[in-house]
């Protein structure tokens, strides 16, 4: 290595300039989105008053973080696993979203670049189906996310 350095020192500047090499480097970053549920009710209690009203408001929000690196944002998906629901109204996103009995999704925008983490506090109103009865039901909504 020392010999090489000495050799360069003895070379004329024109010779050094002509032996210049350019290297281009590029990288592709894969789109990524992940979801972590921090807190979520484990059950839904339907009372006689809820039956008379036709819906039940869930008092405790579901708290989730979504981590994404895409400029286009992410798709937040809601899978309904409860037959007592006609549809659900979800609050706490860019705008309120109605999710059908079959589930659904909503695109959420991202701002800035790089990996971002968004904390979401999601409130739910479950509109009851005709087959709903009073009682305690397992939490009906499963969340997932995908990068756009």
N, C-alpha and C. Protein backbone atom coordinates (compact mmCIF):
# COMPACT_ATOMS: atom_id res chain seq x y z
N UNK A 1 0.82 -1.18 0.00
CA UNK A 1 0.00 0.00 0.00
C UNK A 1 0.87 1.25 0.00
N UNK A 2 1.98 1.21 0.71
CA UNK A 2 2.88 2.36 0.74
C UNK A 2 3.49 2.57 -0.63
N UNK A 3 3.85 1.51 -1.30
CA UNK A 3 4.43 1.63 -2.63
C UNK A 3 3.44 2.26 -3.58
N UNK A 4 2.19 1.90 -3.46
CA UNK A 4 1.15 2.46 -4.31
C UNK A 4 1.00 3.95 -4.05
N UNK A 5 1.02 4.35 -2.81
CA UNK A 5 0.90 5.76 -2.46
C UNK A 5 2.09 6.54 -3.00
N UNK A 6 3.28 6.00 -2.89
CA UNK A 6 4.48 6.67 -3.40
C UNK A 6 4.39 6.77 -4.91
N UNK A 7 3.87 5.73 -5.54
CA UNK A 7 3.72 5.74 -6.99
C UNK A 7 2.78 6.85 -7.44
N UNK A 8 1.69 7.06 -6.72
CA UNK A 8 0.77 8.14 -7.08
C UNK A 8 1.41 9.50 -6.91
N UNK A 9 2.22 9.62 -5.88
CA UNK A 9 2.84 10.92 -5.62
C UNK A 9 3.79 11.31 -6.73
N UNK A 10 4.40 10.32 -7.37
CA UNK A 10 5.33 10.63 -8.43
C UNK A 10 4.66 10.84 -9.77
N UNK A 11 3.35 10.60 -9.90
CA UNK A 11 2.65 10.73 -11.17
C UNK A 11 2.27 12.18 -11.40
N UNK A 12 2.31 12.61 -12.65
CA UNK A 12 1.83 13.97 -12.96
C UNK A 12 0.32 14.07 -12.71
N UNK A 13 -0.17 15.26 -12.41
CA UNK A 13 -1.60 15.47 -12.13
C UNK A 13 -2.47 15.04 -13.29
N UNK A 14 -2.03 15.27 -14.51
CA UNK A 14 -2.82 14.89 -15.68
C UNK A 14 -3.04 13.39 -15.71
N UNK A 15 -2.06 12.63 -15.30
CA UNK A 15 -2.18 11.17 -15.29
C UNK A 15 -3.17 10.73 -14.22
N UNK A 16 -3.14 11.40 -13.06
CA UNK A 16 -4.09 11.05 -12.00
C UNK A 16 -5.53 11.33 -12.43
N UNK A 17 -5.75 12.47 -13.08
CA UNK A 17 -7.08 12.85 -13.51
C UNK A 17 -7.64 11.89 -14.55
N UNK A 18 -6.80 11.38 -15.41
CA UNK A 18 -7.29 10.50 -16.47
C UNK A 18 -7.62 9.11 -15.96
N UNK A 19 -7.10 8.74 -14.80
CA UNK A 19 -7.39 7.41 -14.28
C UNK A 19 -8.58 7.42 -13.31
N UNK A 20 -9.32 8.49 -13.30
CA UNK A 20 -10.48 8.63 -12.42
C UNK A 20 -11.58 7.66 -12.84
N UNK A 21 -12.23 7.03 -11.88
CA UNK A 21 -13.33 6.11 -12.15
C UNK A 21 -14.55 6.58 -11.38
N UNK A 22 -15.68 6.56 -12.05
CA UNK A 22 -16.94 6.93 -11.39
C UNK A 22 -17.74 5.67 -11.14
N UNK A 23 -18.34 5.63 -10.00
CA UNK A 23 -19.15 4.48 -9.61
C UNK A 23 -20.53 4.99 -9.22
N UNK A 24 -21.57 4.48 -9.87
CA UNK A 24 -22.94 4.85 -9.51
C UNK A 24 -23.54 3.74 -8.66
N UNK A 25 -24.18 4.13 -7.61
CA UNK A 25 -24.82 3.17 -6.72
C UNK A 25 -26.30 3.52 -6.65
N UNK A 26 -27.14 2.51 -6.74
CA UNK A 26 -28.57 2.75 -6.56
C UNK A 26 -29.12 1.67 -5.63
N UNK A 27 -30.20 2.02 -4.99
CA UNK A 27 -30.83 1.07 -4.07
C UNK A 27 -32.34 1.17 -4.23
N UNK A 28 -33.00 0.07 -4.09
CA UNK A 28 -34.45 0.04 -4.10
C UNK A 28 -34.92 -0.39 -2.72
N UNK A 29 -35.75 0.45 -2.12
CA UNK A 29 -36.29 0.14 -0.80
C UNK A 29 -37.67 -0.47 -0.98
N UNK A 30 -37.87 -1.65 -0.47
CA UNK A 30 -39.17 -2.32 -0.58
C UNK A 30 -40.20 -1.59 0.28
N UNK A 31 -41.43 -1.55 -0.23
CA UNK A 31 -42.52 -0.95 0.54
C UNK A 31 -42.80 -1.82 1.75
N UNK A 32 -43.10 -1.16 2.86
CA UNK A 32 -43.33 -1.88 4.11
C UNK A 32 -44.44 -1.19 4.90
N UNK A 33 -45.30 -1.98 5.49
CA UNK A 33 -46.29 -1.47 6.44
C UNK A 33 -46.54 -2.58 7.46
N UNK A 34 -46.60 -2.19 8.72
CA UNK A 34 -46.89 -3.16 9.78
C UNK A 34 -47.81 -2.52 10.80
N UNK A 35 -48.53 -3.36 11.51
CA UNK A 35 -49.51 -2.90 12.49
C UNK A 35 -49.27 -3.61 13.80
N UNK A 36 -49.35 -2.84 14.88
CA UNK A 36 -49.24 -3.43 16.22
C UNK A 36 -50.43 -2.95 17.04
N UNK A 37 -51.18 -3.88 17.60
CA UNK A 37 -52.31 -3.53 18.47
C UNK A 37 -51.76 -3.32 19.87
N UNK A 38 -51.91 -2.10 20.39
CA UNK A 38 -51.44 -1.78 21.73
C UNK A 38 -52.51 -2.05 22.78
N UNK A 39 -53.75 -1.76 22.43
CA UNK A 39 -54.88 -1.99 23.35
C UNK A 39 -56.14 -2.16 22.51
N UNK A 40 -56.99 -3.07 22.94
CA UNK A 40 -58.23 -3.31 22.22
C UNK A 40 -59.18 -4.06 23.15
N UNK A 41 -60.46 -3.71 23.12
CA UNK A 41 -61.40 -4.47 23.94
C UNK A 41 -61.38 -5.95 23.55
N UNK A 42 -61.67 -6.80 24.51
CA UNK A 42 -61.71 -8.24 24.23
C UNK A 42 -63.12 -8.72 23.94
N UNK A 43 -64.11 -7.89 24.32
CA UNK A 43 -65.50 -8.31 24.11
C UNK A 43 -66.39 -7.09 23.91
N UNK A 44 -67.60 -7.37 23.45
CA UNK A 44 -68.64 -6.35 23.27
C UNK A 44 -69.86 -6.84 24.05
N UNK A 45 -70.38 -5.97 24.89
CA UNK A 45 -71.59 -6.31 25.66
C UNK A 45 -72.77 -5.60 25.00
N UNK A 46 -73.79 -6.38 24.63
CA UNK A 46 -75.00 -5.81 24.05
C UNK A 46 -76.11 -5.90 25.09
N UNK A 47 -76.64 -4.74 25.44
CA UNK A 47 -77.69 -4.65 26.47
C UNK A 47 -79.06 -4.48 25.80
N UNK A 48 -80.11 -4.52 26.63
CA UNK A 48 -81.47 -4.28 26.13
C UNK A 48 -81.58 -2.87 25.56
N UNK A 49 -80.93 -1.90 26.20
CA UNK A 49 -80.95 -0.52 25.70
C UNK A 49 -80.27 -0.43 24.33
N UNK A 50 -79.16 -1.17 24.15
CA UNK A 50 -78.48 -1.19 22.85
C UNK A 50 -79.40 -1.78 21.78
N UNK A 51 -80.10 -2.85 22.14
CA UNK A 51 -81.03 -3.49 21.20
C UNK A 51 -82.12 -2.50 20.78
N UNK A 52 -82.66 -1.76 21.74
CA UNK A 52 -83.71 -0.78 21.44
C UNK A 52 -83.19 0.34 20.54
N UNK A 53 -81.94 0.77 20.77
CA UNK A 53 -81.32 1.82 19.96
C UNK A 53 -80.91 1.31 18.58
N UNK A 54 -80.53 0.05 18.52
CA UNK A 54 -80.08 -0.52 17.26
C UNK A 54 -78.58 -0.48 17.06
N UNK A 55 -77.86 -0.01 18.05
CA UNK A 55 -76.40 0.04 17.96
C UNK A 55 -75.78 0.04 19.34
N UNK A 56 -74.48 -0.26 19.38
CA UNK A 56 -73.72 -0.20 20.63
C UNK A 56 -72.45 0.61 20.37
N UNK A 57 -72.21 1.60 21.22
CA UNK A 57 -70.97 2.37 21.16
C UNK A 57 -69.95 1.71 22.08
N UNK A 58 -68.78 1.43 21.55
CA UNK A 58 -67.71 0.84 22.35
C UNK A 58 -67.01 1.98 23.08
N UNK A 59 -66.97 1.89 24.42
CA UNK A 59 -66.44 2.99 25.22
C UNK A 59 -64.92 3.09 25.18
N UNK A 60 -64.22 1.97 25.11
CA UNK A 60 -62.75 1.98 25.07
C UNK A 60 -62.27 1.89 23.63
N UNK A 61 -61.41 2.82 23.22
CA UNK A 61 -60.92 2.75 21.83
C UNK A 61 -59.90 1.63 21.66
N UNK A 62 -59.76 1.21 20.42
CA UNK A 62 -58.66 0.31 20.06
C UNK A 62 -57.47 1.21 19.74
N UNK A 63 -56.35 0.94 20.35
CA UNK A 63 -55.15 1.76 20.12
C UNK A 63 -54.14 0.92 19.35
N UNK A 64 -53.76 1.40 18.15
CA UNK A 64 -52.83 0.67 17.30
C UNK A 64 -51.77 1.62 16.77
N UNK A 65 -50.60 1.06 16.45
CA UNK A 65 -49.59 1.83 15.72
C UNK A 65 -49.41 1.19 14.36
N UNK A 66 -49.30 2.04 13.36
CA UNK A 66 -49.02 1.60 12.00
C UNK A 66 -47.68 2.20 11.62
N UNK A 67 -46.78 1.35 11.17
CA UNK A 67 -45.46 1.79 10.74
C UNK A 67 -45.38 1.57 9.24
N UNK A 68 -44.97 2.61 8.50
CA UNK A 68 -44.95 2.52 7.04
C UNK A 68 -43.83 3.38 6.47
N UNK A 69 -43.26 2.94 5.35
CA UNK A 69 -42.21 3.71 4.70
C UNK A 69 -42.63 4.21 3.33
N UNK A 70 -43.90 4.12 2.98
CA UNK A 70 -44.33 4.50 1.64
C UNK A 70 -44.86 5.93 1.61
N UNK A 71 -44.54 6.63 0.53
CA UNK A 71 -45.07 7.98 0.36
C UNK A 71 -46.55 7.94 0.00
N UNK A 72 -46.99 6.82 -0.58
CA UNK A 72 -48.39 6.69 -0.98
C UNK A 72 -49.31 6.33 0.18
N UNK A 73 -48.76 5.97 1.32
CA UNK A 73 -49.56 5.64 2.48
C UNK A 73 -49.78 4.15 2.63
N UNK A 74 -50.87 3.80 3.29
CA UNK A 74 -51.15 2.39 3.57
C UNK A 74 -52.65 2.14 3.54
N UNK A 75 -53.01 0.88 3.39
CA UNK A 75 -54.41 0.46 3.41
C UNK A 75 -54.66 -0.24 4.73
N UNK A 76 -55.57 0.32 5.53
CA UNK A 76 -55.95 -0.29 6.80
C UNK A 76 -57.21 -1.11 6.55
N UNK A 77 -57.11 -2.41 6.82
CA UNK A 77 -58.20 -3.34 6.54
C UNK A 77 -58.92 -3.75 7.83
N UNK A 78 -60.24 -3.85 7.74
CA UNK A 78 -61.09 -4.27 8.85
C UNK A 78 -61.80 -5.55 8.44
N UNK A 79 -61.59 -6.61 9.19
CA UNK A 79 -62.27 -7.87 8.94
C UNK A 79 -63.29 -8.08 10.05
N UNK A 80 -64.55 -8.21 9.67
CA UNK A 80 -65.63 -8.41 10.64
C UNK A 80 -65.82 -9.90 10.89
N UNK A 81 -65.72 -10.29 12.15
CA UNK A 81 -65.91 -11.69 12.51
C UNK A 81 -67.10 -11.88 13.44
N UNK A 82 -67.99 -10.90 13.45
CA UNK A 82 -69.17 -10.99 14.32
C UNK A 82 -70.45 -10.98 13.52
N UNK A 83 -71.32 -12.00 13.72
CA UNK A 83 -72.58 -12.02 12.97
C UNK A 83 -73.64 -11.11 13.58
N UNK A 84 -73.32 -10.45 14.67
CA UNK A 84 -74.30 -9.55 15.28
C UNK A 84 -74.24 -8.15 14.67
N UNK A 85 -73.33 -7.91 13.72
CA UNK A 85 -73.14 -6.58 13.13
C UNK A 85 -73.79 -6.44 11.76
N UNK A 86 -74.47 -5.34 11.56
CA UNK A 86 -74.92 -4.96 10.21
C UNK A 86 -73.77 -4.21 9.55
N UNK A 87 -73.20 -3.26 10.28
CA UNK A 87 -71.99 -2.57 9.85
C UNK A 87 -71.39 -1.86 11.06
N UNK A 88 -70.18 -1.35 10.88
CA UNK A 88 -69.49 -0.65 11.96
C UNK A 88 -69.08 0.73 11.47
N UNK A 89 -69.17 1.70 12.34
CA UNK A 89 -68.67 3.04 12.07
C UNK A 89 -67.36 3.18 12.85
N UNK A 90 -66.29 3.52 12.13
CA UNK A 90 -64.97 3.63 12.75
C UNK A 90 -64.59 5.11 12.78
N UNK A 91 -64.21 5.59 13.96
CA UNK A 91 -63.78 6.98 14.15
C UNK A 91 -62.31 7.00 14.54
N UNK A 92 -61.64 8.10 14.24
CA UNK A 92 -60.24 8.25 14.62
C UNK A 92 -59.27 8.20 13.45
N UNK A 93 -59.81 8.13 12.23
CA UNK A 93 -58.98 8.16 11.02
C UNK A 93 -59.09 9.54 10.39
N UNK A 94 -58.59 9.71 9.16
CA UNK A 94 -58.70 11.00 8.48
C UNK A 94 -60.15 11.45 8.42
N UNK A 95 -61.06 10.51 8.23
CA UNK A 95 -62.50 10.76 8.29
C UNK A 95 -63.17 9.49 8.82
N UNK A 96 -64.41 9.63 9.29
CA UNK A 96 -65.13 8.45 9.78
C UNK A 96 -65.37 7.49 8.62
N UNK A 97 -65.31 6.21 8.92
CA UNK A 97 -65.43 5.17 7.89
C UNK A 97 -66.51 4.19 8.30
N UNK A 98 -67.35 3.81 7.33
CA UNK A 98 -68.35 2.77 7.58
C UNK A 98 -67.84 1.47 6.97
N UNK A 99 -67.80 0.43 7.78
CA UNK A 99 -67.33 -0.88 7.35
C UNK A 99 -68.53 -1.82 7.30
N UNK A 100 -68.72 -2.48 6.18
CA UNK A 100 -69.88 -3.37 6.02
C UNK A 100 -69.70 -4.65 6.83
N UNK A 101 -70.74 -5.45 6.85
CA UNK A 101 -70.68 -6.73 7.57
C UNK A 101 -69.59 -7.62 7.00
N UNK A 102 -69.26 -7.44 5.72
CA UNK A 102 -68.21 -8.24 5.10
C UNK A 102 -66.81 -7.70 5.33
N UNK A 103 -66.70 -6.56 6.01
CA UNK A 103 -65.39 -5.95 6.25
C UNK A 103 -65.14 -4.85 5.23
N UNK A 104 -63.92 -4.36 5.20
CA UNK A 104 -63.58 -3.29 4.28
C UNK A 104 -62.23 -2.69 4.62
N UNK A 105 -61.88 -1.66 3.88
CA UNK A 105 -60.59 -1.02 4.11
C UNK A 105 -60.64 0.45 3.77
N UNK A 106 -59.64 1.16 4.24
CA UNK A 106 -59.54 2.59 3.97
C UNK A 106 -58.07 2.94 3.76
N UNK A 107 -57.82 3.72 2.71
CA UNK A 107 -56.46 4.18 2.44
C UNK A 107 -56.16 5.37 3.34
N UNK A 108 -54.98 5.36 3.92
CA UNK A 108 -54.54 6.46 4.77
C UNK A 108 -53.29 7.07 4.16
N UNK A 109 -53.25 8.39 4.09
CA UNK A 109 -52.11 9.10 3.51
C UNK A 109 -50.93 9.09 4.46
N UNK A 110 -49.76 9.25 3.85
CA UNK A 110 -48.53 9.41 4.64
C UNK A 110 -47.94 10.77 4.30
N UNK A 111 -47.17 11.31 5.20
CA UNK A 111 -46.49 12.57 4.94
C UNK A 111 -45.01 12.40 5.24
N UNK A 112 -44.19 13.05 4.44
CA UNK A 112 -42.74 12.97 4.65
C UNK A 112 -42.16 11.71 4.04
N UNK A 113 -40.89 11.49 4.31
CA UNK A 113 -40.21 10.33 3.76
C UNK A 113 -39.68 9.45 4.87
N UNK A 114 -39.18 8.29 4.49
CA UNK A 114 -38.61 7.37 5.46
C UNK A 114 -39.69 6.63 6.24
N UNK A 115 -39.25 5.88 7.22
CA UNK A 115 -40.16 5.09 8.05
C UNK A 115 -40.90 6.01 9.02
N UNK A 116 -42.22 5.90 9.03
CA UNK A 116 -43.06 6.70 9.92
C UNK A 116 -43.94 5.79 10.77
N UNK A 117 -44.18 6.25 11.97
CA UNK A 117 -45.04 5.50 12.89
C UNK A 117 -46.23 6.38 13.25
N UNK A 118 -47.44 5.86 13.05
CA UNK A 118 -48.67 6.59 13.36
C UNK A 118 -49.40 5.87 14.48
N UNK A 119 -49.77 6.63 15.50
CA UNK A 119 -50.58 6.09 16.60
C UNK A 119 -52.04 6.41 16.30
N UNK A 120 -52.87 5.39 16.27
CA UNK A 120 -54.30 5.56 15.99
C UNK A 120 -55.12 5.13 17.19
N UNK A 121 -56.07 5.97 17.57
CA UNK A 121 -57.06 5.64 18.59
C UNK A 121 -58.39 5.50 17.88
N UNK A 122 -58.82 4.27 17.70
CA UNK A 122 -60.00 3.99 16.89
C UNK A 122 -61.22 3.72 17.76
N UNK A 123 -62.25 4.51 17.53
CA UNK A 123 -63.52 4.31 18.22
C UNK A 123 -64.48 3.55 17.31
N UNK A 124 -65.39 2.79 17.90
CA UNK A 124 -66.30 1.96 17.11
C UNK A 124 -67.74 2.13 17.57
N UNK A 125 -68.64 2.22 16.60
CA UNK A 125 -70.08 2.08 16.84
C UNK A 125 -70.52 0.90 15.99
N UNK A 126 -71.05 -0.11 16.64
CA UNK A 126 -71.51 -1.31 15.94
C UNK A 126 -73.02 -1.21 15.75
N UNK A 127 -73.46 -1.13 14.51
CA UNK A 127 -74.89 -1.15 14.19
C UNK A 127 -75.30 -2.61 14.14
N UNK A 128 -76.33 -2.94 14.92
CA UNK A 128 -76.70 -4.33 15.15
C UNK A 128 -77.52 -4.92 14.00
N UNK A 129 -77.27 -6.18 13.72
CA UNK A 129 -78.04 -6.90 12.71
C UNK A 129 -79.36 -7.37 13.32
N UNK A 130 -80.25 -7.86 12.47
CA UNK A 130 -81.54 -8.38 12.95
C UNK A 130 -81.36 -9.61 13.84
N UNK A 131 -80.25 -10.33 13.64
CA UNK A 131 -80.02 -11.55 14.42
C UNK A 131 -79.32 -11.29 15.76
N UNK A 132 -78.96 -10.04 16.03
CA UNK A 132 -78.26 -9.72 17.28
C UNK A 132 -79.17 -9.95 18.49
N UNK A 133 -78.56 -10.42 19.55
CA UNK A 133 -79.27 -10.65 20.82
C UNK A 133 -78.44 -10.07 21.95
N UNK A 134 -79.10 -9.83 23.08
CA UNK A 134 -78.37 -9.38 24.27
C UNK A 134 -77.32 -10.42 24.62
N UNK A 135 -76.21 -9.92 25.17
CA UNK A 135 -75.18 -10.85 25.61
C UNK A 135 -73.78 -10.28 25.44
N UNK A 136 -72.82 -11.13 25.71
CA UNK A 136 -71.40 -10.77 25.60
C UNK A 136 -70.84 -11.51 24.39
N UNK A 137 -70.21 -10.76 23.50
CA UNK A 137 -69.64 -11.31 22.27
C UNK A 137 -68.14 -11.05 22.24
N UNK A 138 -67.41 -11.94 21.60
CA UNK A 138 -65.97 -11.73 21.40
C UNK A 138 -65.78 -10.51 20.50
N UNK A 139 -64.66 -9.81 20.69
CA UNK A 139 -64.36 -8.63 19.87
C UNK A 139 -64.40 -9.04 18.39
N UNK A 140 -65.22 -8.35 17.58
CA UNK A 140 -65.47 -8.83 16.22
C UNK A 140 -64.53 -8.32 15.12
N UNK A 141 -63.72 -7.34 15.40
CA UNK A 141 -62.93 -6.70 14.34
C UNK A 141 -61.47 -7.14 14.40
N UNK A 142 -60.96 -7.59 13.26
CA UNK A 142 -59.53 -7.91 13.11
C UNK A 142 -58.94 -6.89 12.15
N UNK A 143 -57.82 -6.32 12.53
CA UNK A 143 -57.16 -5.28 11.73
C UNK A 143 -55.93 -5.85 11.03
N UNK A 144 -55.68 -5.34 9.84
CA UNK A 144 -54.43 -5.64 9.13
C UNK A 144 -54.07 -4.43 8.29
N UNK A 145 -52.86 -4.40 7.77
CA UNK A 145 -52.40 -3.25 7.00
C UNK A 145 -51.53 -3.73 5.85
N UNK A 146 -51.56 -2.99 4.75
CA UNK A 146 -50.66 -3.26 3.63
C UNK A 146 -50.19 -1.93 3.05
N UNK A 147 -48.98 -1.92 2.53
CA UNK A 147 -48.40 -0.71 1.94
C UNK A 147 -49.05 -0.43 0.59
N UNK A 148 -49.24 0.83 0.29
CA UNK A 148 -49.77 1.22 -1.03
C UNK A 148 -48.63 1.55 -1.97
